[in-house]
């Protein structure tokens, strides 16, 4: 078995702890997808501990769960350091916020990764953090990146235009703003 795909099953923390035992025993998964399972702190920490032993992992989808706090960030750091073949990382919809995002992108910046696709949508970032943390690090520190998605975070249409140009020069596809963000910006301009 090379992949675990258990998305949208409401594993929650108890199920994630059981899954962590399987992942720890096998240690040879190339793809792990546990999106939209409502996994909270304890379950996510157990899961991340088990994943870091899968040195050949290429795709990790943790979106729409819980990734916050020092323990989770530290374990994610271990994974990116010990799993250099990681090509796809999906951390979307985890409400990570500015402070934790800064740590995550510092981590991505310091490890040599083969990362080709990064999904970081809807993580409660301000436009300053989106620019400083996500966009600048992605341009400078992820040499193999082909796709970057950070929709639903604070970014203006003007900033999006400038970065799309920069990413385009490097052949990187980027999705920076959701359609509803344009509507929100128009409403703010009218107010």
Protein backbone atom coordinates (compact mmCIF):
# COMPACT_ATOMS: atom_id res chain seq x y z
CA UNK A 1 0.00 0.00 0.00
CA UNK A 2 1.43 3.36 -1.06
CA UNK A 3 -1.40 5.75 -0.22
CA UNK A 4 -3.92 6.52 2.46
CA UNK A 5 -6.89 8.59 1.37
CA UNK A 6 -9.38 9.10 4.16
CA UNK A 7 -10.85 12.47 3.35
CA UNK A 8 -14.22 13.72 4.59
CA UNK A 9 -14.78 10.86 7.04
CA UNK A 10 -14.95 12.72 10.36
CA UNK A 11 -12.05 10.75 11.79
CA UNK A 12 -11.59 13.42 14.42
CA UNK A 13 -8.83 12.98 16.98
CA UNK A 14 -9.72 9.46 18.09
CA UNK A 15 -9.67 8.08 14.55
CA UNK A 16 -6.50 10.02 13.73
CA UNK A 17 -4.71 8.38 16.66
CA UNK A 18 -5.67 4.94 15.32
CA UNK A 19 -4.54 5.90 11.84
CA UNK A 20 -1.24 7.15 13.28
CA UNK A 21 -0.50 3.64 14.55
CA UNK A 22 -0.98 2.20 11.05
CA UNK A 23 1.22 4.89 9.48
CA UNK A 24 3.94 4.30 12.10
CA UNK A 25 4.01 0.57 11.40
CA UNK A 26 4.05 0.82 7.60
CA UNK A 27 6.51 3.74 7.15
CA UNK A 28 6.40 3.62 3.34
CA UNK A 29 3.45 5.74 2.27
CA UNK A 30 3.96 8.07 -0.67
CA UNK A 31 0.63 9.87 -0.25
CA UNK A 32 -1.37 10.65 2.87
CA UNK A 33 -4.66 12.52 2.52
CA UNK A 34 -6.73 13.18 5.63
CA UNK A 35 -8.54 16.30 4.49
CA UNK A 36 -11.74 17.47 6.15
CA UNK A 37 -11.72 15.11 9.10
CA UNK A 38 -12.09 17.53 11.99
CA UNK A 39 -8.82 16.34 13.50
CA UNK A 40 -7.99 18.53 16.49
CA UNK A 41 -4.80 19.08 18.47
CA UNK A 42 -4.12 15.69 20.12
CA UNK A 43 -5.03 13.68 17.04
CA UNK A 44 -3.04 15.92 14.69
CA UNK A 45 0.05 15.75 16.87
CA UNK A 46 -0.08 11.92 16.90
CA UNK A 47 -0.66 11.88 13.16
CA UNK A 48 2.24 14.24 12.43
CA UNK A 49 4.55 12.16 14.66
CA UNK A 50 3.74 9.06 12.64
CA UNK A 51 4.08 10.81 9.28
CA UNK A 52 7.61 12.05 9.94
CA UNK A 53 8.84 8.42 9.84
CA UNK A 54 7.62 8.09 6.22
CA UNK A 55 10.79 9.40 4.62
CA UNK A 56 9.61 8.87 1.05
CA UNK A 57 6.34 10.74 1.38
CA UNK A 58 5.61 12.85 -1.69
CA UNK A 59 2.13 14.19 -1.05
CA UNK A 60 0.63 15.33 2.25
CA UNK A 61 -2.91 16.72 2.45
CA UNK A 62 -3.87 18.00 5.91
CA UNK A 63 -6.38 20.63 4.86
CA UNK A 64 -9.44 21.51 6.93
CA UNK A 65 -8.23 20.05 10.21
CA UNK A 66 -6.15 21.65 13.00
CA UNK A 67 -2.54 22.80 12.64
CA UNK A 68 -1.71 25.31 15.31
CA UNK A 69 0.56 25.60 18.29
CA UNK A 70 4.23 24.93 18.81
CA UNK A 71 3.93 21.13 18.88
CA UNK A 72 2.20 20.90 15.51
CA UNK A 73 4.55 23.43 13.88
CA UNK A 74 7.59 21.62 15.29
CA UNK A 75 6.38 18.27 13.95
CA UNK A 76 5.63 19.80 10.56
CA UNK A 77 9.19 21.14 10.63
CA UNK A 78 10.46 17.60 11.32
CA UNK A 79 8.46 16.29 8.36
CA UNK A 80 9.80 18.86 5.90
CA UNK A 81 13.36 18.27 7.13
CA UNK A 82 13.23 14.47 7.08
CA UNK A 83 11.08 14.06 3.95
CA UNK A 84 12.94 15.87 1.15
CA UNK A 85 10.86 14.17 -1.58
CA UNK A 86 7.72 16.01 -0.50
CA UNK A 87 6.21 17.45 -3.70
CA UNK A 88 2.67 18.41 -2.66
CA UNK A 89 1.68 20.03 0.63
CA UNK A 90 -1.90 21.08 1.35
CA UNK A 91 -2.40 23.07 4.54
CA UNK A 92 -5.52 24.97 3.41
CA UNK A 93 -8.49 25.80 5.62
CA UNK A 94 -6.74 25.29 8.93
CA UNK A 95 -7.17 28.90 10.18
CA UNK A 96 -3.45 28.94 10.92
CA UNK A 97 -3.16 32.72 11.22
CA UNK A 98 -0.24 35.12 10.86
CA UNK A 99 2.08 34.05 13.66
CA UNK A 100 2.02 30.30 12.95
CA UNK A 101 2.18 30.93 9.20
CA UNK A 102 5.35 32.91 9.66
CA UNK A 103 6.90 29.90 11.41
CA UNK A 104 5.68 27.50 8.73
CA UNK A 105 7.14 29.58 5.92
CA UNK A 106 10.43 30.03 7.80
CA UNK A 107 10.51 26.25 7.97
CA UNK A 108 9.83 25.92 4.24
CA UNK A 109 12.53 28.50 3.61
CA UNK A 110 15.25 26.65 5.54
CA UNK A 111 14.75 23.12 4.16
CA UNK A 112 15.69 22.01 0.66
CA UNK A 113 12.40 20.72 -0.63
CA UNK A 114 11.27 19.33 -3.94
CA UNK A 115 7.93 21.06 -3.27
CA UNK A 116 6.04 21.59 -6.54
CA UNK A 117 2.55 22.40 -5.26
CA UNK A 118 1.64 24.33 -2.14
CA UNK A 119 -1.97 24.91 -1.10
CA UNK A 120 -2.41 27.48 1.67
CA UNK A 121 -5.94 28.77 1.08
CA UNK A 122 -8.15 30.34 3.76
CA UNK A 123 -5.73 30.44 6.67
CA UNK A 124 -6.76 33.77 8.22
CA UNK A 125 -3.77 35.79 7.01
CA UNK A 126 -3.61 39.57 6.81
CA UNK A 127 -2.41 41.11 3.56
CA UNK A 128 0.93 41.99 5.18
CA UNK A 129 1.53 38.38 6.17
CA UNK A 130 0.35 37.08 2.83
CA UNK A 131 2.92 39.24 1.07
CA UNK A 132 5.80 38.87 3.51
CA UNK A 133 5.35 35.28 4.50
CA UNK A 134 3.79 33.41 1.61
CA UNK A 135 4.57 35.25 -1.57
CA UNK A 136 8.11 36.39 -0.88
CA UNK A 137 9.20 33.02 0.51
CA UNK A 138 7.57 31.14 -2.37
CA UNK A 139 9.36 33.32 -4.94
CA UNK A 140 12.77 33.11 -3.28
CA UNK A 141 12.96 29.80 -1.46
CA UNK A 142 10.91 27.20 -3.30
CA UNK A 143 12.89 26.65 -6.51
CA UNK A 144 10.75 23.80 -7.86
CA UNK A 145 7.34 25.32 -7.10
CA UNK A 146 4.92 25.09 -10.05
CA UNK A 147 1.63 25.89 -8.33
CA UNK A 148 0.88 28.13 -5.36
CA UNK A 149 -2.64 28.65 -4.05
CA UNK A 150 -3.28 31.14 -1.25
CA UNK A 151 -6.83 32.23 -1.99
CA UNK A 152 -9.01 33.55 0.79
CA UNK A 153 -6.21 35.31 2.62
CA UNK A 154 -5.75 39.06 2.74
CA UNK A 155 -4.45 40.22 -0.62
CA UNK A 156 -5.53 43.16 -2.75
CA UNK A 157 -6.18 43.04 -6.48
CA UNK A 158 -3.19 45.36 -7.07
CA UNK A 159 -0.83 43.12 -5.11
CA UNK A 160 -2.22 40.06 -6.86
CA UNK A 161 -1.47 41.60 -10.24
CA UNK A 162 2.15 42.37 -9.29
CA UNK A 163 2.80 38.90 -7.91
CA UNK A 164 1.12 37.12 -10.80
CA UNK A 165 3.55 38.92 -13.07
CA UNK A 166 6.54 37.84 -10.91
CA UNK A 167 5.33 34.25 -10.64
CA UNK A 168 4.54 34.18 -14.36
CA UNK A 169 8.14 35.14 -15.19
CA UNK A 170 9.23 31.99 -13.35
CA UNK A 171 6.57 29.79 -14.95
CA UNK A 172 4.66 29.39 -11.67
CA UNK A 173 0.88 29.12 -11.70
CA UNK A 174 -0.62 31.00 -8.79
CA UNK A 175 -4.11 31.47 -7.44
CA UNK A 176 -4.01 34.35 -5.03
CA UNK A 177 -7.54 35.64 -4.64
CA UNK A 178 -10.94 34.01 -4.55
CA UNK A 179 -13.73 35.55 -6.64
CA UNK A 180 -15.59 36.67 -3.52
CA UNK A 181 -12.54 38.70 -2.45
CA UNK A 182 -13.08 41.00 -5.44
CA UNK A 183 -16.66 41.58 -4.29
CA UNK A 184 -15.51 42.34 -0.73
CA UNK A 185 -12.92 44.82 -1.96
CA UNK A 186 -15.57 46.61 -4.09
CA UNK A 187 -17.91 46.82 -1.07
CA UNK A 188 -15.08 48.32 1.05
CA UNK A 189 -14.30 50.88 -1.68
CA UNK A 190 -17.96 51.96 -1.82
CA UNK A 191 -18.24 52.37 1.97
